[in-house]
Amino acid sequence: MLKIEIKEASLTGRKWADGRTVYEQHAWAFIPERNGNAADYPQRITLRLEDGAAPYPAGFYRLPPSDLYVGNFGALTIGRAHLVPLVAAQKQAA
C-alpha cells in the first residue's frame, strides 16, 4: 500500500498549448528506500486530478491499484488520482 498525505486542500491549474487545463494537487508519498526500509521523510509528489474534481481535503490516503498503469516503454505509471481515505480503507478491510 502506498500511503499519501495531503497537507492542504488546494489545486494548481496549468494551461496546455491546446487550451486544456490540467489540475494538480501537491501531496507527500511515503515511499520506502531502495533497500525496503522506511524512508526518514516522505517525498513530495504532484497528483493529476480529474477535470472539475475538488481538491482532496488534508489527511492520509492510500493509492488504489486502479490508479496504476503501464505507460511508455513499459514504465509503471500513476494516472489521475482517485485516493481512498485511510480511515475508509481500514473500515473496508475489517
PDB file of N, CA and C in Angstrom:
ATOM      1  N   MET A   1       0.851  -1.179   0.000  1.00  0.00           N
ATOM      2  CA  MET A   1       0.000   0.000   0.000  1.00  0.00           C
ATOM      3  C   MET A   1       0.892   1.236   0.000  1.00  0.00           C
ATOM      4  N   LEU A   2       0.579   2.167  -0.844  1.00  0.00           N
ATOM      5  CA  LEU A   2       1.309   3.424  -0.898  1.00  0.00           C
ATOM      6  C   LEU A   2       0.511   4.468  -0.122  1.00  0.00           C
ATOM      7  N   LYS A   3       1.103   4.959   0.957  1.00  0.00           N
ATOM      8  CA  LYS A   3       0.449   5.956   1.817  1.00  0.00           C
ATOM      9  C   LYS A   3       0.769   7.354   1.297  1.00  0.00           C
ATOM     10  N   ILE A   4      -0.274   8.176   1.184  1.00  0.00           N
ATOM     11  CA  ILE A   4      -0.165   9.547   0.673  1.00  0.00           C
ATOM     12  C   ILE A   4      -0.714  10.498   1.722  1.00  0.00           C
ATOM     13  N   GLU A   5      -0.033  11.618   1.920  1.00  0.00           N
ATOM     14  CA  GLU A   5      -0.555  12.653   2.813  1.00  0.00           C
ATOM     15  C   GLU A   5      -0.833  13.920   2.018  1.00  0.00           C
ATOM     16  N   ILE A   6      -2.025  14.458   2.215  1.00  0.00           N
ATOM     17  CA  ILE A   6      -2.391  15.770   1.662  1.00  0.00           C
ATOM     18  C   ILE A   6      -2.297  16.750   2.822  1.00  0.00           C
ATOM     19  N   LYS A   7      -1.516  17.810   2.639  1.00  0.00           N
ATOM     20  CA  LYS A   7      -1.349  18.784   3.726  1.00  0.00           C
ATOM     21  C   LYS A   7      -2.294  19.968   3.601  1.00  0.00           C
ATOM     22  N   GLU A   8      -2.676  20.316   2.365  1.00  0.00           N
ATOM     23  CA  GLU A   8      -3.656  21.398   2.204  1.00  0.00           C
ATOM     24  C   GLU A   8      -4.515  21.155   0.970  1.00  0.00           C
ATOM     25  N   ALA A   9      -5.753  21.555   1.072  1.00  0.00           N
ATOM     26  CA  ALA A   9      -6.742  21.303   0.016  1.00  0.00           C
ATOM     27  C   ALA A   9      -6.728  22.439  -1.002  1.00  0.00           C
ATOM     28  N   SER A  10      -5.709  22.448  -1.861  1.00  0.00           N
ATOM     29  CA  SER A  10      -5.661  23.478  -2.897  1.00  0.00           C
ATOM     30  C   SER A  10      -5.184  22.857  -4.205  1.00  0.00           C
ATOM     31  N   LEU A  11      -5.679  23.406  -5.308  1.00  0.00           N
ATOM     32  CA  LEU A  11      -5.327  22.928  -6.643  1.00  0.00           C
ATOM     33  C   LEU A  11      -4.509  23.962  -7.380  1.00  0.00           C
ATOM     34  N   THR A  12      -3.722  23.470  -8.322  1.00  0.00           N
ATOM     35  CA  THR A  12      -2.987  24.319  -9.248  1.00  0.00           C
ATOM     36  C   THR A  12      -3.450  23.942 -10.640  1.00  0.00           C
ATOM     37  N   GLY A  13      -3.767  24.918 -11.451  1.00  0.00           N
ATOM     38  CA  GLY A  13      -4.178  24.651 -12.829  1.00  0.00           C
ATOM     39  C   GLY A  13      -3.085  25.089 -13.785  1.00  0.00           C
ATOM     40  N   ARG A  14      -2.785  24.215 -14.756  1.00  0.00           N
ATOM     41  CA  ARG A  14      -1.796  24.546 -15.782  1.00  0.00           C
ATOM     42  C   ARG A  14      -2.456  24.458 -17.138  1.00  0.00           C
ATOM     43  N   LYS A  15      -2.370  25.549 -17.903  1.00  0.00           N
ATOM     44  CA  LYS A  15      -2.939  25.563 -19.254  1.00  0.00           C
ATOM     45  C   LYS A  15      -1.942  24.969 -20.229  1.00  0.00           C
ATOM     46  N   TRP A  16      -2.430  24.079 -21.081  1.00  0.00           N
ATOM     47  CA  TRP A  16      -1.609  23.488 -22.125  1.00  0.00           C
ATOM     48  C   TRP A  16      -1.786  24.290 -23.409  1.00  0.00           C
ATOM     49  N   ALA A  17      -0.902  24.088 -24.361  1.00  0.00           N
ATOM     50  CA  ALA A  17      -0.939  24.834 -25.615  1.00  0.00           C
ATOM     51  C   ALA A  17      -2.234  24.608 -26.374  1.00  0.00           C
ATOM     52  N   ASP A  18      -2.848  23.411 -26.207  1.00  0.00           N
ATOM     53  CA  ASP A  18      -4.083  23.129 -26.943  1.00  0.00           C
ATOM     54  C   ASP A  18      -5.324  23.679 -26.246  1.00  0.00           C
ATOM     55  N   GLY A  19      -5.132  24.444 -25.159  1.00  0.00           N
ATOM     56  CA  GLY A  19      -6.250  25.077 -24.473  1.00  0.00           C
ATOM     57  C   GLY A  19      -6.781  24.317 -23.270  1.00  0.00           C
ATOM     58  N   ARG A  20      -6.371  23.035 -23.101  1.00  0.00           N
ATOM     59  CA  ARG A  20      -6.815  22.257 -21.934  1.00  0.00           C
ATOM     60  C   ARG A  20      -6.128  22.769 -20.671  1.00  0.00           C
ATOM     61  N   THR A  21      -6.791  22.566 -19.558  1.00  0.00           N
ATOM     62  CA  THR A  21      -6.197  22.877 -18.261  1.00  0.00           C
ATOM     63  C   THR A  21      -6.051  21.580 -17.489  1.00  0.00           C
ATOM     64  N   VAL A  22      -4.870  21.353 -16.947  1.00  0.00           N
ATOM     65  CA  VAL A  22      -4.599  20.175 -16.134  1.00  0.00           C
ATOM     66  C   VAL A  22      -4.554  20.634 -14.683  1.00  0.00           C
ATOM     67  N   TYR A  23      -5.335  19.963 -13.829  1.00  0.00           N
ATOM     68  CA  TYR A  23      -5.398  20.339 -12.419  1.00  0.00           C
ATOM     69  C   TYR A  23      -4.548  19.380 -11.599  1.00  0.00           C
ATOM     70  N   GLU A  24      -3.743  19.958 -10.718  1.00  0.00           N
ATOM     71  CA  GLU A  24      -2.811  19.182  -9.905  1.00  0.00           C
ATOM     72  C   GLU A  24      -2.922  19.584  -8.441  1.00  0.00           C
ATOM     73  N   GLN A  25      -2.570  18.637  -7.590  1.00  0.00           N
ATOM     74  CA  GLN A  25      -2.535  18.892  -6.152  1.00  0.00           C
ATOM     75  C   GLN A  25      -1.245  18.303  -5.612  1.00  0.00           C
ATOM     76  N   HIS A  26      -0.595  19.056  -4.749  1.00  0.00           N
ATOM     77  CA  HIS A  26       0.651  18.572  -4.158  1.00  0.00           C
ATOM     78  C   HIS A  26       0.347  17.664  -2.973  1.00  0.00           C
ATOM     79  N   ALA A  27       1.171  16.646  -2.833  1.00  0.00           N
ATOM     80  CA  ALA A  27       0.987  15.659  -1.774  1.00  0.00           C
ATOM     81  C   ALA A  27       2.355  15.125  -1.366  1.00  0.00           C
ATOM     82  N   TRP A  28       2.354  14.272  -0.362  1.00  0.00           N
ATOM     83  CA  TRP A  28       3.583  13.642   0.133  1.00  0.00           C
ATOM     84  C   TRP A  28       3.381  12.139   0.108  1.00  0.00           C
ATOM     85  N   ALA A  29       4.323  11.415  -0.522  1.00  0.00           N
ATOM     86  CA  ALA A  29       4.233   9.959  -0.631  1.00  0.00           C
ATOM     87  C   ALA A  29       5.262   9.317   0.291  1.00  0.00           C
ATOM     88  N   PHE A  30       4.802   8.349   1.049  1.00  0.00           N
ATOM     89  CA  PHE A  30       5.677   7.611   1.955  1.00  0.00           C
ATOM     90  C   PHE A  30       6.226   6.403   1.195  1.00  0.00           C
ATOM     91  N   ILE A  31       7.339   6.623   0.504  1.00  0.00           N
ATOM     92  CA  ILE A  31       7.945   5.610  -0.353  1.00  0.00           C
ATOM     93  C   ILE A  31       9.156   5.023   0.367  1.00  0.00           C
ATOM     94  N   PRO A  32       9.252   3.685   0.430  1.00  0.00           N
ATOM     95  CA  PRO A  32      10.404   3.086   1.102  1.00  0.00           C
ATOM     96  C   PRO A  32      11.698   3.321   0.323  1.00  0.00           C
ATOM     97  N   GLU A  33      12.810   3.214   1.029  1.00  0.00           N
ATOM     98  CA  GLU A  33      14.121   3.307   0.387  1.00  0.00           C
ATOM     99  C   GLU A  33      14.300   2.099  -0.534  1.00  0.00           C
ATOM    100  N   ARG A  34      15.301   2.127  -1.378  1.00  0.00           N
ATOM    101  CA  ARG A  34      15.545   1.015  -2.303  1.00  0.00           C
ATOM    102  C   ARG A  34      15.828  -0.297  -1.582  1.00  0.00           C
ATOM    103  N   ASN A  35      16.333  -0.204  -0.353  1.00  0.00           N
ATOM    104  CA  ASN A  35      16.617  -1.425   0.414  1.00  0.00           C
ATOM    105  C   ASN A  35      15.373  -1.966   1.127  1.00  0.00           C
ATOM    106  N   GLY A  36      14.225  -1.292   0.963  1.00  0.00           N
ATOM    107  CA  GLY A  36      12.977  -1.743   1.547  1.00  0.00           C
ATOM    108  C   GLY A  36      12.677  -1.139   2.909  1.00  0.00           C
ATOM    109  N   ASN A  37      13.653  -0.475   3.527  1.00  0.00           N
ATOM    110  CA  ASN A  37      13.433   0.165   4.827  1.00  0.00           C
ATOM    111  C   ASN A  37      12.599   1.432   4.662  1.00  0.00           C
ATOM    112  N   ALA A  38      11.889   1.783   5.708  1.00  0.00           N
ATOM    113  CA  ALA A  38      11.094   3.008   5.692  1.00  0.00           C
ATOM    114  C   ALA A  38      12.010   4.221   5.526  1.00  0.00           C
ATOM    115  N   ALA A  39      11.620   5.139   4.675  1.00  0.00           N
ATOM    116  CA  ALA A  39      12.391   6.369   4.473  1.00  0.00           C
ATOM    117  C   ALA A  39      12.214   7.292   5.677  1.00  0.00           C
ATOM    118  N   ASP A  40      13.201   8.105   5.942  1.00  0.00           N
ATOM    119  CA  ASP A  40      13.117   9.048   7.059  1.00  0.00           C
ATOM    120  C   ASP A  40      12.049  10.117   6.817  1.00  0.00           C
ATOM    121  N   TYR A  41      11.852  10.502   5.545  1.00  0.00           N
ATOM    122  CA  TYR A  41      10.921  11.568   5.210  1.00  0.00           C
ATOM    123  C   TYR A  41      10.115  11.177   3.977  1.00  0.00           C
ATOM    124  N   PRO A  42       8.868  11.641   3.877  1.00  0.00           N
ATOM    125  CA  PRO A  42       8.093  11.386   2.654  1.00  0.00           C
ATOM    126  C   PRO A  42       8.622  12.247   1.505  1.00  0.00           C
ATOM    127  N   GLN A  43       8.289  11.849   0.285  1.00  0.00           N
ATOM    128  CA  GLN A  43       8.698  12.574  -0.913  1.00  0.00           C
ATOM    129  C   GLN A  43       7.531  13.408  -1.436  1.00  0.00           C
ATOM    130  N   ARG A  44       7.819  14.641  -1.839  1.00  0.00           N
ATOM    131  CA  ARG A  44       6.775  15.496  -2.398  1.00  0.00           C
ATOM    132  C   ARG A  44       6.463  15.028  -3.815  1.00  0.00           C
ATOM    133  N   ILE A  45       5.161  14.884  -4.104  1.00  0.00           N
ATOM    134  CA  ILE A  45       4.718  14.457  -5.426  1.00  0.00           C
ATOM    135  C   ILE A  45       3.606  15.392  -5.907  1.00  0.00           C
ATOM    136  N   THR A  46       3.273  15.273  -7.168  1.00  0.00           N
ATOM    137  CA  THR A  46       2.177  16.031  -7.752  1.00  0.00           C
ATOM    138  C   THR A  46       1.157  15.041  -8.294  1.00  0.00           C
ATOM    139  N   LEU A  47      -0.097  15.187  -7.889  1.00  0.00           N
ATOM    140  CA  LEU A  47      -1.178  14.332  -8.348  1.00  0.00           C
ATOM    141  C   LEU A  47      -2.000  15.057  -9.398  1.00  0.00           C
ATOM    142  N   ARG A  48      -2.283  14.386 -10.508  1.00  0.00           N
ATOM    143  CA  ARG A  48      -3.192  14.947 -11.510  1.00  0.00           C
ATOM    144  C   ARG A  48      -4.600  14.526 -11.143  1.00  0.00           C
ATOM    145  N   LEU A  49      -5.526  15.480 -11.178  1.00  0.00           N
ATOM    146  CA  LEU A  49      -6.915  15.208 -10.811  1.00  0.00           C
ATOM    147  C   LEU A  49      -7.814  15.255 -12.033  1.00  0.00           C
ATOM    148  N   GLU A  50      -8.957  14.593 -11.925  1.00  0.00           N
ATOM    149  CA  GLU A  50      -9.956  14.625 -12.991  1.00  0.00           C
ATOM    150  C   GLU A  50     -10.434  16.060 -13.198  1.00  0.00           C
ATOM    151  N   ASP A  51     -10.840  16.372 -14.420  1.00  0.00           N
ATOM    152  CA  ASP A  51     -11.384  17.703 -14.709  1.00  0.00           C
ATOM    153  C   ASP A  51     -12.587  17.971 -13.824  1.00  0.00           C
ATOM    154  N   GLY A  52     -12.619  19.122 -13.178  1.00  0.00           N
ATOM    155  CA  GLY A  52     -13.737  19.515 -12.335  1.00  0.00           C
ATOM    156  C   GLY A  52     -13.728  18.898 -10.952  1.00  0.00           C
ATOM    157  N   ALA A  53     -12.720  18.086 -10.634  1.00  0.00           N
ATOM    158  CA  ALA A  53     -12.665  17.444  -9.314  1.00  0.00           C
ATOM    159  C   ALA A  53     -12.276  18.458  -8.245  1.00  0.00           C
ATOM    160  N   ALA A  54     -12.862  18.301  -7.082  1.00  0.00           N
ATOM    161  CA  ALA A  54     -12.495  19.145  -5.938  1.00  0.00           C
ATOM    162  C   ALA A  54     -11.172  18.642  -5.376  1.00  0.00           C
ATOM    163  N   PRO A  55     -10.394  19.524  -4.761  1.00  0.00           N
ATOM    164  CA  PRO A  55      -9.141  19.057  -4.154  1.00  0.00           C
ATOM    165  C   PRO A  55      -9.427  18.116  -2.986  1.00  0.00           C
ATOM    166  N   TYR A  56      -8.507  17.203  -2.748  1.00  0.00           N
ATOM    167  CA  TYR A  56      -8.644  16.318  -1.596  1.00  0.00           C
ATOM    168  C   TYR A  56      -8.426  17.115  -0.319  1.00  0.00           C
ATOM    169  N   PRO A  57      -9.235  16.877   0.712  1.00  0.00           N
ATOM    170  CA  PRO A  57      -9.007  17.541   1.999  1.00  0.00           C
ATOM    171  C   PRO A  57      -7.709  17.020   2.637  1.00  0.00           C
ATOM    172  N   ALA A  58      -7.181  17.802   3.547  1.00  0.00           N
ATOM    173  CA  ALA A  58      -5.974  17.375   4.265  1.00  0.00           C
ATOM    174  C   ALA A  58      -6.257  16.058   4.974  1.00  0.00           C
ATOM    175  N   GLY A  59      -5.282  15.169   4.954  1.00  0.00           N
ATOM    176  CA  GLY A  59      -5.424  13.881   5.623  1.00  0.00           C
ATOM    177  C   GLY A  59      -4.543  12.837   4.977  1.00  0.00           C
ATOM    178  N   PHE A  60      -4.721  11.588   5.411  1.00  0.00           N
ATOM    179  CA  PHE A  60      -3.937  10.471   4.903  1.00  0.00           C
ATOM    180  C   PHE A  60      -4.805   9.596   4.016  1.00  0.00           C
ATOM    181  N   TYR A  61      -4.209   9.121   2.933  1.00  0.00           N
ATOM    182  CA  TYR A  61      -4.906   8.346   1.914  1.00  0.00           C
ATOM    183  C   TYR A  61      -4.033   7.181   1.469  1.00  0.00           C
ATOM    184  N   ARG A  62      -4.652   6.293   0.706  1.00  0.00           N
ATOM    185  CA  ARG A  62      -3.878   5.255   0.023  1.00  0.00           C
ATOM    186  C   ARG A  62      -4.158   5.374  -1.464  1.00  0.00           C
ATOM    187  N   LEU A  63      -3.200   4.951  -2.252  1.00  0.00           N
ATOM    188  CA  LEU A  63      -3.347   4.965  -3.696  1.00  0.00           C
ATOM    189  C   LEU A  63      -3.891   3.610  -4.131  1.00  0.00           C
ATOM    190  N   PRO A  64      -5.078   3.562  -4.737  1.00  0.00           N
ATOM    191  CA  PRO A  64      -5.627   2.268  -5.145  1.00  0.00           C
ATOM    192  C   PRO A  64      -4.879   1.718  -6.364  1.00  0.00           C
ATOM    193  N   PRO A  65      -4.813   0.398  -6.498  1.00  0.00           N
ATOM    194  CA  PRO A  65      -4.130  -0.206  -7.649  1.00  0.00           C
ATOM    195  C   PRO A  65      -4.706   0.236  -8.995  1.00  0.00           C
ATOM    196  N   SER A  66      -5.975   0.615  -9.020  1.00  0.00           N
ATOM    197  CA  SER A  66      -6.600   1.034 -10.283  1.00  0.00           C
ATOM    198  C   SER A  66      -6.010   2.331 -10.830  1.00  0.00           C
ATOM    199  N   ASP A  67      -5.258   3.077 -10.016  1.00  0.00           N
ATOM    200  CA  ASP A  67      -4.614   4.306 -10.488  1.00  0.00           C
ATOM    201  C   ASP A  67      -3.283   4.036 -11.179  1.00  0.00           C
ATOM    202  N   LEU A  68      -2.839   2.789 -11.191  1.00  0.00           N
ATOM    203  CA  LEU A  68      -1.560   2.429 -11.812  1.00  0.00           C
ATOM    204  C   LEU A  68      -1.800   1.824 -13.189  1.00  0.00           C
ATOM    205  N   TYR A  69      -0.905   2.130 -14.120  1.00  0.00           N
ATOM    206  CA  TYR A  69      -0.968   1.513 -15.443  1.00  0.00           C
ATOM    207  C   TYR A  69       0.440   1.444 -16.015  1.00  0.00           C
ATOM    208  N   VAL A  70       0.608   0.639 -17.034  1.00  0.00           N
ATOM    209  CA  VAL A  70       1.896   0.531 -17.706  1.00  0.00           C
ATOM    210  C   VAL A  70       1.904   1.552 -18.833  1.00  0.00           C
ATOM    211  N   GLY A  71       2.831   2.488 -18.742  1.00  0.00           N
ATOM    212  CA  GLY A  71       2.916   3.575 -19.709  1.00  0.00           C
ATOM    213  C   GLY A  71       3.967   3.321 -20.772  1.00  0.00           C
ATOM    214  N   ASN A  72       4.536   4.402 -21.268  1.00  0.00           N
ATOM    215  CA  ASN A  72       5.544   4.323 -22.324  1.00  0.00           C
ATOM    216  C   ASN A  72       6.732   3.472 -21.893  1.00  0.00           C
ATOM    217  N   PHE A  73       7.221   2.668 -22.804  1.00  0.00           N
ATOM    218  CA  PHE A  73       8.409   1.846 -22.597  1.00  0.00           C
ATOM    219  C   PHE A  73       8.265   0.883 -21.425  1.00  0.00           C
ATOM    220  N   GLY A  74       7.017   0.508 -21.094  1.00  0.00           N
ATOM    221  CA  GLY A  74       6.781  -0.463 -20.028  1.00  0.00           C
ATOM    222  C   GLY A  74       6.940   0.076 -18.621  1.00  0.00           C
ATOM    223  N   ALA A  75       6.972   1.396 -18.476  1.00  0.00           N
ATOM    224  CA  ALA A  75       7.159   2.003 -17.157  1.00  0.00           C
ATOM    225  C   ALA A  75       5.852   1.998 -16.372  1.00  0.00           C
ATOM    226  N   LEU A  76       5.924   1.617 -15.097  1.00  0.00           N
ATOM    227  CA  LEU A  76       4.766   1.688 -14.219  1.00  0.00           C
ATOM    228  C   LEU A  76       4.486   3.162 -13.935  1.00  0.00           C
ATOM    229  N   THR A  77       3.235   3.582 -14.147  1.00  0.00           N
ATOM    230  CA  THR A  77       2.878   4.994 -14.092  1.00  0.00           C
ATOM    231  C   THR A  77       1.626   5.183 -13.255  1.00  0.00           C
ATOM    232  N   ILE A  78       1.538   6.320 -12.568  1.00  0.00           N
ATOM    233  CA  ILE A  78       0.329   6.686 -11.828  1.00  0.00           C
ATOM    234  C   ILE A  78      -0.512   7.574 -12.729  1.00  0.00           C
ATOM    235  N   GLY A  79      -1.768   7.204 -12.915  1.00  0.00           N
ATOM    236  CA  GLY A  79      -2.684   8.012 -13.714  1.00  0.00           C
ATOM    237  C   GLY A  79      -3.310   9.106 -12.860  1.00  0.00           C
ATOM    238  N   ARG A  80      -4.501   9.493 -13.205  1.00  0.00           N
ATOM    239  CA  ARG A  80      -5.204  10.509 -12.409  1.00  0.00           C
ATOM    240  C   ARG A  80      -5.565   9.922 -11.055  1.00  0.00           C
ATOM    241  N   ALA A  81      -5.457  10.748 -10.038  1.00  0.00           N
ATOM    242  CA  ALA A  81      -5.622  10.279  -8.660  1.00  0.00           C
ATOM    243  C   ALA A  81      -7.081  10.022  -8.300  1.00  0.00           C
ATOM    244  N   HIS A  82      -7.305   8.908  -7.632  1.00  0.00           N
ATOM    245  CA  HIS A  82      -8.604   8.553  -7.045  1.00  0.00           C
ATOM    246  C   HIS A  82      -8.313   8.020  -5.649  1.00  0.00           C
ATOM    247  N   LEU A  83      -7.741   8.870  -4.800  1.00  0.00           N
ATOM    248  CA  LEU A  83      -7.264   8.430  -3.488  1.00  0.00           C
ATOM    249  C   LEU A  83      -8.396   7.949  -2.591  1.00  0.00           C
ATOM    250  N   VAL A  84      -8.064   6.993  -1.726  1.00  0.00           N
ATOM    251  CA  VAL A  84      -9.021   6.438  -0.768  1.00  0.00           C
ATOM    252  C   VAL A  84      -8.559   6.850   0.626  1.00  0.00           C
ATOM    253  N   PRO A  85      -9.415   7.522   1.407  1.00  0.00           N
ATOM    254  CA  PRO A  85      -9.006   7.897   2.779  1.00  0.00           C
ATOM    255  C   PRO A  85      -8.585   6.660   3.561  1.00  0.00           C
ATOM    256  N   LEU A  86      -7.524   6.770   4.341  1.00  0.00           N
ATOM    257  CA  LEU A  86      -7.039   5.619   5.102  1.00  0.00           C
ATOM    258  C   LEU A  86      -8.070   5.097   6.073  1.00  0.00           C
ATOM    259  N   VAL A  87      -8.851   5.968   6.690  1.00  0.00           N
ATOM    260  CA  VAL A  87      -9.875   5.520   7.642  1.00  0.00           C
ATOM    261  C   VAL A  87     -10.899   4.653   6.911  1.00  0.00           C
ATOM    262  N   ALA A  88     -11.335   5.072   5.719  1.00  0.00           N
ATOM    263  CA  ALA A  88     -12.308   4.300   4.950  1.00  0.00           C
ATOM    264  C   ALA A  88     -11.701   2.968   4.520  1.00  0.00           C
ATOM    265  N   ALA A  89     -10.427   2.976   4.139  1.00  0.00           N
ATOM    266  CA  ALA A  89      -9.768   1.757   3.714  1.00  0.00           C
ATOM    267  C   ALA A  89      -9.666   0.767   4.863  1.00  0.00           C
ATOM    268  N   GLN A  90      -9.414   1.247   6.065  1.00  0.00           N
ATOM    269  CA  GLN A  90      -9.310   0.374   7.229  1.00  0.00           C
ATOM    270  C   GLN A  90     -10.664  -0.220   7.579  1.00  0.00           C
ATOM    271  N   LYS A  91     -11.753   0.556   7.430  1.00  0.00           N
ATOM    272  CA  LYS A  91     -13.097   0.047   7.726  1.00  0.00           C
ATOM    273  C   LYS A  91     -13.493  -1.035   6.725  1.00  0.00           C
ATOM    274  N   GLN A  92     -13.116  -0.864   5.427  1.00  0.00           N
ATOM    275  CA  GLN A  92     -13.436  -1.849   4.419  1.00  0.00           C
ATOM    276  C   GLN A  92     -12.712  -3.166   4.672  1.00  0.00           C
ATOM    277  N   ALA A  93     -11.476  -3.091   5.192  1.00  0.00           N
ATOM    278  CA  ALA A  93     -10.691  -4.287   5.449  1.00  0.00           C
ATOM    279  C   ALA A  93     -11.217  -5.065   6.653  1.00  0.00           C
ATOM    280  N   ALA A  94     -11.920  -4.392   7.563  1.00  0.00           N
ATOM    281  CA  ALA A  94     -12.395  -5.043   8.781  1.00  0.00           C
ATOM    282  C   ALA A  94     -13.618  -5.892   8.571  1.00  0.00           C
TER     283      ALA A  94
END
